[in-house]
Amino acid sequence: MIRIVTRKRLALLEADTRAAFERARQSSEAAKEASARHAVDLFDVTGRAEHAEATAQEVGTLLAVALDELSAAQEELLLKDIELRRQREDLTEVLLPPRQVFVLVHYGTPVMVYRSREDAYADTATHGVPADRTWGPGRHFWADAEWVLSAFTYDFTARGFRGSLTPLAEPVGGAA
C-alpha cells in the first residue's frame, strides 16, 4: 500500500501536530499551576495542622492542670464535708438532751449531774463517797439517805426527765 502525501495533507498533519503541541503545552501549564496551587494548599494545611497540634498540646496541658486543681478541690471539699458532719454530730449531741442522766444526791440535795454512769462513778470520790461503794437501788427516800446515785430518763412525750425511786422488794409474808 502506497500512500501519496500531498502538500495539503502535509499541511494538515503539521497543523494537527502544532495543535497537539499547543494542547500539550497548555495542559503542562495547567498541571504546573495546579501543582503550585496544591503546594500552596499543602503548605497552608500543614501550617494549620501544626498550629492545631500546638493548640491541642497547650489545651492538654491546661486540662491536666485543671484536673489536678479539680482533684485537690474535691479532696478539700470532702475533708470539709467530713468536718462539717462531725461538727453537726457534736452540735446534735449538745442540743439534744441525753437519754439518761445520773444525779448524785446527798440527804435529798442534788450535788452533781452526770451524762453517764461511768462519769458519775469516777467523780463521786471527789465528794467524799467511798471509792469502794456499791451503788444499788435506793432503799429509802432521798432525804433519808446519805448518798444516792439516781438515774433520770428523758421522756420525749413530756419533754423532760423522769426519775424514780426503786426500793428493794419487801419479802412477802415474812419469807426471807
N, C-alpha and C. Protein backbone atom coordinates (compact mmCIF):
# COMPACT_ATOMS: atom_id res chain seq x y z
N MET A 1 0.84 -1.13 0.00
CA MET A 1 0.00 0.00 0.00
C MET A 1 0.91 1.22 0.00
N ILE A 2 0.63 2.01 -0.91
CA ILE A 2 1.43 3.19 -1.12
C ILE A 2 0.50 4.37 -0.88
N ARG A 3 1.07 5.24 -0.12
CA ARG A 3 0.26 6.42 0.18
C ARG A 3 0.99 7.62 -0.41
N ILE A 4 0.22 8.40 -1.01
CA ILE A 4 0.78 9.57 -1.62
C ILE A 4 0.43 10.73 -0.70
N VAL A 5 1.50 11.43 -0.33
CA VAL A 5 1.33 12.55 0.58
C VAL A 5 1.33 13.80 -0.27
N THR A 6 0.31 14.56 -0.08
CA THR A 6 0.17 15.79 -0.82
C THR A 6 0.52 16.94 0.11
N ARG A 7 0.67 18.08 -0.50
CA ARG A 7 1.01 19.25 0.30
C ARG A 7 -0.12 19.61 1.23
N LYS A 8 -1.29 19.43 0.74
CA LYS A 8 -2.43 19.75 1.56
C LYS A 8 -2.46 18.83 2.78
N ARG A 9 -2.24 17.54 2.50
CA ARG A 9 -2.25 16.56 3.59
C ARG A 9 -1.11 16.85 4.54
N LEU A 10 0.01 17.21 4.07
CA LEU A 10 1.17 17.53 4.89
C LEU A 10 0.90 18.78 5.72
N ALA A 11 0.24 19.74 5.16
CA ALA A 11 -0.10 20.96 5.90
C ALA A 11 -1.08 20.63 7.02
N LEU A 12 -2.04 19.76 6.70
CA LEU A 12 -3.00 19.35 7.75
C LEU A 12 -2.28 18.60 8.88
N LEU A 13 -1.36 17.72 8.54
CA LEU A 13 -0.63 16.97 9.57
C LEU A 13 0.23 17.92 10.40
N GLU A 14 0.84 18.89 9.78
CA GLU A 14 1.64 19.85 10.53
C GLU A 14 0.75 20.70 11.43
N ALA A 15 -0.43 21.06 10.93
CA ALA A 15 -1.38 21.85 11.75
C ALA A 15 -1.84 21.01 12.93
N ASP A 16 -2.13 19.72 12.66
CA ASP A 16 -2.54 18.83 13.77
C ASP A 16 -1.41 18.69 14.79
N THR A 17 -0.20 18.61 14.35
CA THR A 17 0.96 18.47 15.24
C THR A 17 1.12 19.72 16.08
N ARG A 18 1.03 20.89 15.42
CA ARG A 18 1.14 22.14 16.18
C ARG A 18 0.02 22.26 17.21
N ALA A 19 -1.18 21.88 16.79
CA ALA A 19 -2.32 21.94 17.72
C ALA A 19 -2.09 20.99 18.89
N ALA A 20 -1.55 19.80 18.60
CA ALA A 20 -1.27 18.83 19.68
C ALA A 20 -0.20 19.37 20.61
N PHE A 21 0.86 19.97 20.05
CA PHE A 21 1.89 20.58 20.90
C PHE A 21 1.31 21.71 21.74
N GLU A 22 0.43 22.50 21.16
CA GLU A 22 -0.19 23.61 21.90
C GLU A 22 -1.05 23.08 23.03
N ARG A 23 -1.84 22.04 22.74
CA ARG A 23 -2.66 21.43 23.80
C ARG A 23 -1.77 20.84 24.89
N ALA A 24 -0.67 20.20 24.51
CA ALA A 24 0.27 19.62 25.48
C ALA A 24 0.89 20.73 26.33
N ARG A 25 1.27 21.87 25.67
CA ARG A 25 1.84 22.99 26.42
C ARG A 25 0.82 23.56 27.39
N GLN A 26 -0.43 23.74 26.94
CA GLN A 26 -1.47 24.27 27.82
C GLN A 26 -1.75 23.32 28.98
N SER A 27 -1.80 22.03 28.67
CA SER A 27 -2.02 21.04 29.73
C SER A 27 -0.86 21.04 30.72
N SER A 28 0.34 21.18 30.22
CA SER A 28 1.52 21.23 31.09
C SER A 28 1.48 22.46 31.98
N GLU A 29 1.10 23.63 31.41
CA GLU A 29 0.99 24.84 32.21
C GLU A 29 -0.12 24.69 33.26
N ALA A 30 -1.26 24.11 32.86
CA ALA A 30 -2.36 23.89 33.81
C ALA A 30 -1.91 22.95 34.93
N ALA A 31 -1.15 21.95 34.56
CA ALA A 31 -0.65 21.00 35.57
C ALA A 31 0.33 21.70 36.51
N LYS A 32 1.19 22.57 35.95
CA LYS A 32 2.13 23.32 36.81
C LYS A 32 1.37 24.24 37.75
N GLU A 33 0.34 24.94 37.19
CA GLU A 33 -0.46 25.83 38.05
C GLU A 33 -1.19 25.04 39.13
N ALA A 34 -1.76 23.90 38.75
CA ALA A 34 -2.46 23.05 39.74
C ALA A 34 -1.47 22.53 40.78
N SER A 35 -0.30 22.16 40.33
CA SER A 35 0.73 21.68 41.26
C SER A 35 1.14 22.79 42.22
N ALA A 36 1.27 24.01 41.68
CA ALA A 36 1.63 25.16 42.53
C ALA A 36 0.52 25.44 43.53
N ARG A 37 -0.75 25.40 43.06
CA ARG A 37 -1.87 25.61 43.99
C ARG A 37 -1.90 24.53 45.06
N HIS A 38 -1.68 23.30 44.65
CA HIS A 38 -1.67 22.20 45.63
C HIS A 38 -0.53 22.36 46.63
N ALA A 39 0.62 22.84 46.16
CA ALA A 39 1.76 23.07 47.06
C ALA A 39 1.41 24.16 48.07
N VAL A 40 0.77 25.24 47.59
CA VAL A 40 0.36 26.33 48.49
C VAL A 40 -0.68 25.81 49.49
N ASP A 41 -1.66 25.06 48.96
CA ASP A 41 -2.69 24.50 49.84
C ASP A 41 -2.06 23.55 50.88
N LEU A 42 -1.14 22.72 50.41
CA LEU A 42 -0.45 21.79 51.32
C LEU A 42 0.33 22.56 52.38
N PHE A 43 1.00 23.64 51.97
CA PHE A 43 1.74 24.47 52.93
C PHE A 43 0.77 25.07 53.96
N ASP A 44 -0.38 25.59 53.48
CA ASP A 44 -1.38 26.16 54.39
C ASP A 44 -1.94 25.11 55.34
N VAL A 45 -2.29 23.96 54.78
CA VAL A 45 -2.86 22.88 55.60
C VAL A 45 -1.82 22.40 56.61
N THR A 46 -0.59 22.28 56.20
CA THR A 46 0.47 21.86 57.13
C THR A 46 0.64 22.87 58.26
N GLY A 47 0.62 24.16 57.90
CA GLY A 47 0.71 25.21 58.92
C GLY A 47 -0.45 25.15 59.89
N ARG A 48 -1.67 24.97 59.34
CA ARG A 48 -2.84 24.87 60.22
C ARG A 48 -2.77 23.62 61.10
N ALA A 49 -2.28 22.52 60.54
CA ALA A 49 -2.17 21.28 61.32
C ALA A 49 -1.16 21.46 62.45
N GLU A 50 -0.03 22.09 62.15
CA GLU A 50 0.98 22.35 63.19
C GLU A 50 0.41 23.27 64.27
N HIS A 51 -0.33 24.30 63.83
CA HIS A 51 -0.96 25.21 64.79
C HIS A 51 -1.99 24.46 65.64
N ALA A 52 -2.80 23.61 65.00
CA ALA A 52 -3.80 22.83 65.73
C ALA A 52 -3.13 21.87 66.71
N GLU A 53 -2.03 21.26 66.29
CA GLU A 53 -1.30 20.35 67.17
C GLU A 53 -0.73 21.09 68.38
N ALA A 54 -0.17 22.27 68.14
CA ALA A 54 0.36 23.07 69.25
C ALA A 54 -0.77 23.50 70.19
N THR A 55 -1.90 23.90 69.60
CA THR A 55 -3.06 24.29 70.41
C THR A 55 -3.57 23.11 71.22
N ALA A 56 -3.64 21.94 70.58
CA ALA A 56 -4.11 20.74 71.28
C ALA A 56 -3.16 20.38 72.42
N GLN A 57 -1.88 20.53 72.20
CA GLN A 57 -0.91 20.24 73.27
C GLN A 57 -1.07 21.25 74.40
N GLU A 58 -1.27 22.51 74.07
CA GLU A 58 -1.47 23.54 75.09
C GLU A 58 -2.77 23.28 75.86
N VAL A 59 -3.83 22.92 75.13
CA VAL A 59 -5.10 22.61 75.79
C VAL A 59 -4.95 21.38 76.67
N GLY A 60 -4.20 20.38 76.21
CA GLY A 60 -3.94 19.19 77.02
C GLY A 60 -3.22 19.53 78.31
N THR A 61 -2.24 20.41 78.22
CA THR A 61 -1.52 20.85 79.42
C THR A 61 -2.47 21.60 80.36
N LEU A 62 -3.27 22.50 79.81
CA LEU A 62 -4.23 23.24 80.63
C LEU A 62 -5.25 22.30 81.27
N LEU A 63 -5.69 21.30 80.51
CA LEU A 63 -6.64 20.32 81.03
C LEU A 63 -6.02 19.51 82.17
N ALA A 64 -4.77 19.11 82.01
CA ALA A 64 -4.10 18.36 83.07
C ALA A 64 -3.99 19.20 84.34
N VAL A 65 -3.64 20.47 84.19
CA VAL A 65 -3.55 21.36 85.36
C VAL A 65 -4.93 21.53 85.99
N ALA A 66 -5.94 21.71 85.14
CA ALA A 66 -7.31 21.88 85.65
C ALA A 66 -7.78 20.62 86.37
N LEU A 67 -7.44 19.45 85.85
CA LEU A 67 -7.82 18.20 86.51
C LEU A 67 -7.11 18.05 87.86
N ASP A 68 -5.85 18.44 87.92
CA ASP A 68 -5.13 18.42 89.20
C ASP A 68 -5.79 19.36 90.21
N GLU A 69 -6.14 20.56 89.75
CA GLU A 69 -6.80 21.52 90.63
C GLU A 69 -8.17 21.01 91.06
N LEU A 70 -8.89 20.38 90.14
CA LEU A 70 -10.19 19.81 90.47
C LEU A 70 -10.06 18.70 91.50
N SER A 71 -9.07 17.86 91.33
CA SER A 71 -8.84 16.78 92.30
C SER A 71 -8.52 17.34 93.68
N ALA A 72 -7.68 18.35 93.72
CA ALA A 72 -7.34 18.98 95.00
C ALA A 72 -8.57 19.64 95.62
N ALA A 73 -9.38 20.29 94.79
CA ALA A 73 -10.59 20.94 95.31
C ALA A 73 -11.59 19.91 95.81
N GLN A 74 -11.72 18.79 95.10
CA GLN A 74 -12.63 17.73 95.55
C GLN A 74 -12.15 17.13 96.87
N GLU A 75 -10.84 16.94 96.99
CA GLU A 75 -10.30 16.40 98.24
C GLU A 75 -10.56 17.39 99.40
N GLU A 76 -10.33 18.67 99.14
CA GLU A 76 -10.58 19.68 100.17
C GLU A 76 -12.07 19.73 100.53
N LEU A 77 -12.92 19.62 99.52
CA LEU A 77 -14.37 19.61 99.76
C LEU A 77 -14.78 18.40 100.58
N LEU A 78 -14.20 17.25 100.29
CA LEU A 78 -14.50 16.04 101.05
C LEU A 78 -14.07 16.19 102.50
N LEU A 79 -12.88 16.75 102.72
CA LEU A 79 -12.41 16.97 104.09
C LEU A 79 -13.30 17.94 104.83
N LYS A 80 -13.74 19.00 104.15
CA LYS A 80 -14.63 19.97 104.78
C LYS A 80 -16.00 19.34 105.07
N ASP A 81 -16.46 18.47 104.16
CA ASP A 81 -17.74 17.78 104.38
C ASP A 81 -17.64 16.87 105.60
N ILE A 82 -16.53 16.16 105.73
CA ILE A 82 -16.33 15.29 106.90
C ILE A 82 -16.30 16.12 108.17
N GLU A 83 -15.59 17.24 108.14
CA GLU A 83 -15.52 18.11 109.31
C GLU A 83 -16.89 18.69 109.65
N LEU A 84 -17.64 19.07 108.61
CA LEU A 84 -18.98 19.62 108.82
C LEU A 84 -19.90 18.57 109.44
N ARG A 85 -19.83 17.33 108.97
CA ARG A 85 -20.64 16.26 109.56
C ARG A 85 -20.27 16.02 111.02
N ARG A 86 -18.96 16.03 111.29
CA ARG A 86 -18.52 15.83 112.67
C ARG A 86 -19.04 16.95 113.57
N GLN A 87 -18.97 18.19 113.06
CA GLN A 87 -19.46 19.32 113.86
C GLN A 87 -20.97 19.25 114.03
N ARG A 88 -21.69 18.78 113.00
CA ARG A 88 -23.14 18.61 113.15
C ARG A 88 -23.47 17.57 114.20
N GLU A 89 -22.70 16.47 114.19
CA GLU A 89 -22.93 15.42 115.20
C GLU A 89 -22.65 15.98 116.60
N ASP A 90 -21.56 16.73 116.72
CA ASP A 90 -21.24 17.33 118.02
C ASP A 90 -22.36 18.28 118.45
N LEU A 91 -22.83 19.09 117.51
CA LEU A 91 -23.89 20.04 117.81
C LEU A 91 -25.19 19.32 118.19
N THR A 92 -25.49 18.24 117.49
CA THR A 92 -26.68 17.45 117.79
C THR A 92 -26.59 16.87 119.19
N GLU A 93 -25.40 16.37 119.54
CA GLU A 93 -25.21 15.82 120.89
C GLU A 93 -25.43 16.89 121.94
N VAL A 94 -24.97 18.10 121.66
CA VAL A 94 -25.10 19.19 122.63
C VAL A 94 -26.55 19.64 122.73
N LEU A 95 -27.23 19.75 121.57
CA LEU A 95 -28.59 20.28 121.56
C LEU A 95 -29.63 19.28 122.04
N LEU A 96 -29.44 18.01 121.69
CA LEU A 96 -30.41 17.01 122.13
C LEU A 96 -30.09 16.60 123.57
N PRO A 97 -31.11 16.49 124.38
CA PRO A 97 -30.85 16.06 125.75
C PRO A 97 -30.39 14.60 125.76
N PRO A 98 -29.57 14.25 126.73
CA PRO A 98 -29.13 12.85 126.81
C PRO A 98 -30.33 11.97 127.15
N ARG A 99 -30.27 10.72 126.80
CA ARG A 99 -31.36 9.80 127.09
C ARG A 99 -31.45 9.52 128.59
N GLN A 100 -30.31 9.61 129.26
CA GLN A 100 -30.30 9.34 130.68
C GLN A 100 -29.23 10.19 131.35
N VAL A 101 -29.55 10.75 132.51
CA VAL A 101 -28.57 11.46 133.31
C VAL A 101 -28.57 10.83 134.70
N PHE A 102 -27.47 11.02 135.41
CA PHE A 102 -27.33 10.45 136.74
C PHE A 102 -27.10 11.60 137.72
N VAL A 103 -27.86 11.60 138.78
CA VAL A 103 -27.80 12.67 139.76
C VAL A 103 -27.29 12.10 141.07
N LEU A 104 -26.26 12.75 141.61
CA LEU A 104 -25.72 12.37 142.92
C LEU A 104 -26.44 13.24 143.96
N VAL A 105 -27.14 12.58 144.88
CA VAL A 105 -27.96 13.28 145.88
C VAL A 105 -27.39 12.99 147.27
N HIS A 106 -27.25 14.05 148.09
CA HIS A 106 -26.76 13.94 149.46
C HIS A 106 -27.86 14.44 150.40
N TYR A 107 -28.48 13.53 151.12
CA TYR A 107 -29.61 13.84 152.01
C TYR A 107 -30.67 14.69 151.32
N GLY A 108 -31.05 14.26 150.13
CA GLY A 108 -32.13 14.93 149.42
C GLY A 108 -31.71 16.12 148.60
N THR A 109 -30.45 16.54 148.67
CA THR A 109 -29.97 17.71 147.92
C THR A 109 -29.13 17.23 146.74
N PRO A 110 -29.50 17.60 145.50
CA PRO A 110 -28.68 17.21 144.36
C PRO A 110 -27.31 17.89 144.44
N VAL A 111 -26.28 17.10 144.26
CA VAL A 111 -24.92 17.62 144.34
C VAL A 111 -24.33 17.80 142.94
N MET A 112 -24.54 16.82 142.07
CA MET A 112 -23.91 16.87 140.74
C MET A 112 -24.76 16.06 139.76
N VAL A 113 -24.71 16.47 138.48
CA VAL A 113 -25.41 15.75 137.41
C VAL A 113 -24.34 15.25 136.43
N TYR A 114 -24.48 13.99 136.00
CA TYR A 114 -23.50 13.35 135.11
C TYR A 114 -24.21 12.84 133.85
N ARG A 115 -23.47 12.82 132.73
CA ARG A 115 -24.04 12.34 131.47
C ARG A 115 -23.99 10.82 131.38
N SER A 116 -23.10 10.16 132.11
CA SER A 116 -23.03 8.70 132.07
C SER A 116 -22.73 8.16 133.45
N ARG A 117 -23.06 6.89 133.64
CA ARG A 117 -22.82 6.23 134.91
C ARG A 117 -21.32 6.16 135.21
N GLU A 118 -20.52 5.96 134.17
CA GLU A 118 -19.06 5.88 134.37
C GLU A 118 -18.51 7.21 134.88
N ASP A 119 -19.01 8.32 134.31
CA ASP A 119 -18.58 9.64 134.79
C ASP A 119 -18.97 9.83 136.24
N ALA A 120 -20.15 9.36 136.60
CA ALA A 120 -20.63 9.51 137.98
C ALA A 120 -19.74 8.71 138.94
N TYR A 121 -19.46 7.46 138.60
CA TYR A 121 -18.61 6.64 139.47
C TYR A 121 -17.22 7.24 139.61
N ALA A 122 -16.69 7.79 138.52
CA ALA A 122 -15.35 8.37 138.56
C ALA A 122 -15.30 9.62 139.42
N ASP A 123 -16.40 10.38 139.49
CA ASP A 123 -16.38 11.67 140.17
C ASP A 123 -16.91 11.63 141.61
N THR A 124 -17.60 10.57 141.99
CA THR A 124 -18.21 10.56 143.32
C THR A 124 -17.18 10.59 144.44
N ALA A 125 -15.99 10.08 144.21
CA ALA A 125 -14.96 10.08 145.25
C ALA A 125 -14.54 11.50 145.61
N THR A 126 -14.66 12.44 144.68
CA THR A 126 -14.28 13.83 144.98
C THR A 126 -15.27 14.48 145.94
N HIS A 127 -16.42 13.86 146.11
CA HIS A 127 -17.45 14.41 147.02
C HIS A 127 -17.48 13.67 148.35
N GLY A 128 -16.48 12.84 148.57
CA GLY A 128 -16.40 12.16 149.86
C GLY A 128 -17.08 10.80 149.89
N VAL A 129 -17.57 10.33 148.78
CA VAL A 129 -18.19 9.00 148.74
C VAL A 129 -17.07 7.98 148.64
N PRO A 130 -17.08 6.94 149.47
CA PRO A 130 -16.00 5.94 149.41
C PRO A 130 -15.91 5.33 148.01
N ALA A 131 -14.67 5.11 147.56
CA ALA A 131 -14.44 4.60 146.22
C ALA A 131 -14.95 3.17 146.06
N ASP A 132 -14.99 2.39 147.15
CA ASP A 132 -15.43 1.01 147.05
C ASP A 132 -16.94 0.87 147.28
N ARG A 133 -17.64 1.96 147.26
CA ARG A 133 -19.08 1.98 147.50
C ARG A 133 -19.79 1.23 146.38
N THR A 134 -20.71 0.36 146.72
CA THR A 134 -21.52 -0.31 145.71
C THR A 134 -22.84 0.42 145.62
N TRP A 135 -23.18 0.78 144.41
CA TRP A 135 -24.41 1.53 144.17
C TRP A 135 -25.49 0.56 143.77
N GLY A 136 -26.59 0.60 144.45
CA GLY A 136 -27.72 -0.26 144.14
C GLY A 136 -28.98 0.58 144.15
N PRO A 137 -30.13 -0.05 144.05
CA PRO A 137 -31.37 0.72 144.12
C PRO A 137 -31.55 1.33 145.49
N GLY A 138 -32.16 2.51 145.50
CA GLY A 138 -32.36 3.21 146.78
C GLY A 138 -33.34 2.48 147.68
N ARG A 139 -33.01 2.39 148.97
CA ARG A 139 -33.88 1.70 149.91
C ARG A 139 -34.79 2.69 150.62
N HIS A 140 -34.37 3.93 150.63
CA HIS A 140 -35.13 4.95 151.35
C HIS A 140 -35.40 6.12 150.42
N PHE A 141 -36.19 7.03 150.91
CA PHE A 141 -36.38 8.26 150.16
C PHE A 141 -35.06 9.02 150.16
N TRP A 142 -34.89 9.88 149.18
CA TRP A 142 -33.62 10.58 149.02
C TRP A 142 -33.26 11.43 150.24
N ALA A 143 -34.23 11.98 150.88
CA ALA A 143 -33.95 12.84 152.04
C ALA A 143 -33.41 12.02 153.20
N ASP A 144 -33.71 10.73 153.26
CA ASP A 144 -33.26 9.88 154.35
C ASP A 144 -31.92 9.23 154.08
N ALA A 145 -31.46 9.22 152.85
CA ALA A 145 -30.21 8.52 152.51
C ALA A 145 -29.05 9.50 152.49
N GLU A 146 -27.88 9.01 152.95
CA GLU A 146 -26.70 9.87 152.95
C GLU A 146 -26.29 10.17 151.51
N TRP A 147 -26.05 9.15 150.68
CA TRP A 147 -25.68 9.33 149.28
C TRP A 147 -26.57 8.44 148.42
N VAL A 148 -27.12 9.01 147.36
CA VAL A 148 -27.91 8.25 146.41
C VAL A 148 -27.48 8.68 145.00
N LEU A 149 -27.27 7.70 144.13
CA LEU A 149 -26.98 7.98 142.72
C LEU A 149 -28.21 7.49 141.96
N SER A 150 -28.96 8.42 141.41
CA SER A 150 -30.22 8.07 140.78
C SER A 150 -30.18 8.41 139.30
N ALA A 151 -30.80 7.52 138.52
CA ALA A 151 -30.85 7.72 137.07
C ALA A 151 -32.17 8.39 136.70
N PHE A 152 -32.06 9.37 135.80
CA PHE A 152 -33.24 10.04 135.26
C PHE A 152 -33.25 9.78 133.76
N THR A 153 -34.40 9.34 133.25
CA THR A 153 -34.54 9.01 131.84
C THR A 153 -35.36 10.10 131.15
N TYR A 154 -34.92 10.47 129.95
CA TYR A 154 -35.63 11.52 129.20
C TYR A 154 -36.92 10.95 128.63
N ASP A 155 -38.02 11.65 128.89
CA ASP A 155 -39.33 11.28 128.38
C ASP A 155 -39.67 12.26 127.26
N PHE A 156 -39.67 11.76 126.01
CA PHE A 156 -39.90 12.64 124.86
C PHE A 156 -41.32 13.20 124.86
N THR A 157 -42.27 12.44 125.34
CA THR A 157 -43.65 12.95 125.31
C THR A 157 -43.83 14.09 126.30
N ALA A 158 -43.18 13.99 127.45
CA ALA A 158 -43.29 15.05 128.46
C ALA A 158 -42.23 16.12 128.27
N ARG A 159 -41.27 15.87 127.37
CA ARG A 159 -40.14 16.78 127.14
C ARG A 159 -39.41 17.12 128.43
N GLY A 160 -39.14 16.08 129.17
CA GLY A 160 -38.41 16.28 130.41
C GLY A 160 -37.89 14.95 130.94
N PHE A 161 -37.16 15.02 132.04
CA PHE A 161 -36.58 13.82 132.64
C PHE A 161 -37.52 13.29 133.72
N ARG A 162 -37.55 11.98 133.84
CA ARG A 162 -38.34 11.34 134.89
C ARG A 162 -37.40 10.45 135.69
N GLY A 163 -37.47 10.59 136.98
CA GLY A 163 -36.67 9.75 137.86
C GLY A 163 -37.61 8.90 138.71
N SER A 164 -37.06 7.85 139.24
CA SER A 164 -37.90 7.01 140.09
C SER A 164 -37.05 6.43 141.21
N LEU A 165 -37.67 6.34 142.35
CA LEU A 165 -37.03 5.70 143.49
C LEU A 165 -37.41 4.24 143.39
N THR A 166 -36.43 3.37 143.27
CA THR A 166 -36.71 1.95 143.12
C THR A 166 -36.30 1.23 144.40
N PRO A 167 -37.21 1.14 145.36
CA PRO A 167 -36.87 0.47 146.60
C PRO A 167 -36.73 -1.03 146.38
N LEU A 168 -36.01 -1.67 147.31
CA LEU A 168 -35.88 -3.13 147.24
C LEU A 168 -37.21 -3.75 147.56
N ALA A 169 -37.48 -4.88 146.97
CA ALA A 169 -38.74 -5.57 147.21
C ALA A 169 -38.76 -6.11 148.63
N GLU A 170 -39.88 -5.92 149.30
CA GLU A 170 -40.05 -6.45 150.65
C GLU A 170 -40.38 -7.92 150.54
N PRO A 171 -39.88 -8.73 151.49
CA PRO A 171 -40.24 -10.15 151.45
C PRO A 171 -41.75 -10.32 151.69
N VAL A 172 -42.33 -11.22 150.97
CA VAL A 172 -43.77 -11.47 151.07
C VAL A 172 -44.04 -12.46 152.19
N GLY A 173 -44.93 -12.06 153.11
CA GLY A 173 -45.34 -12.96 154.18
C GLY A 173 -44.22 -13.34 155.11
N GLY A 174 -43.24 -12.53 155.25
CA GLY A 174 -42.16 -12.80 156.18
C GLY A 174 -41.14 -13.80 155.66
N ALA A 175 -41.28 -14.25 154.43
CA ALA A 175 -40.32 -15.20 153.90
C ALA A 175 -39.05 -14.46 153.53
N ALA A 176 -37.95 -15.10 153.77
CA ALA A 176 -36.69 -14.44 153.52
C ALA A 176 -36.11 -14.84 152.23
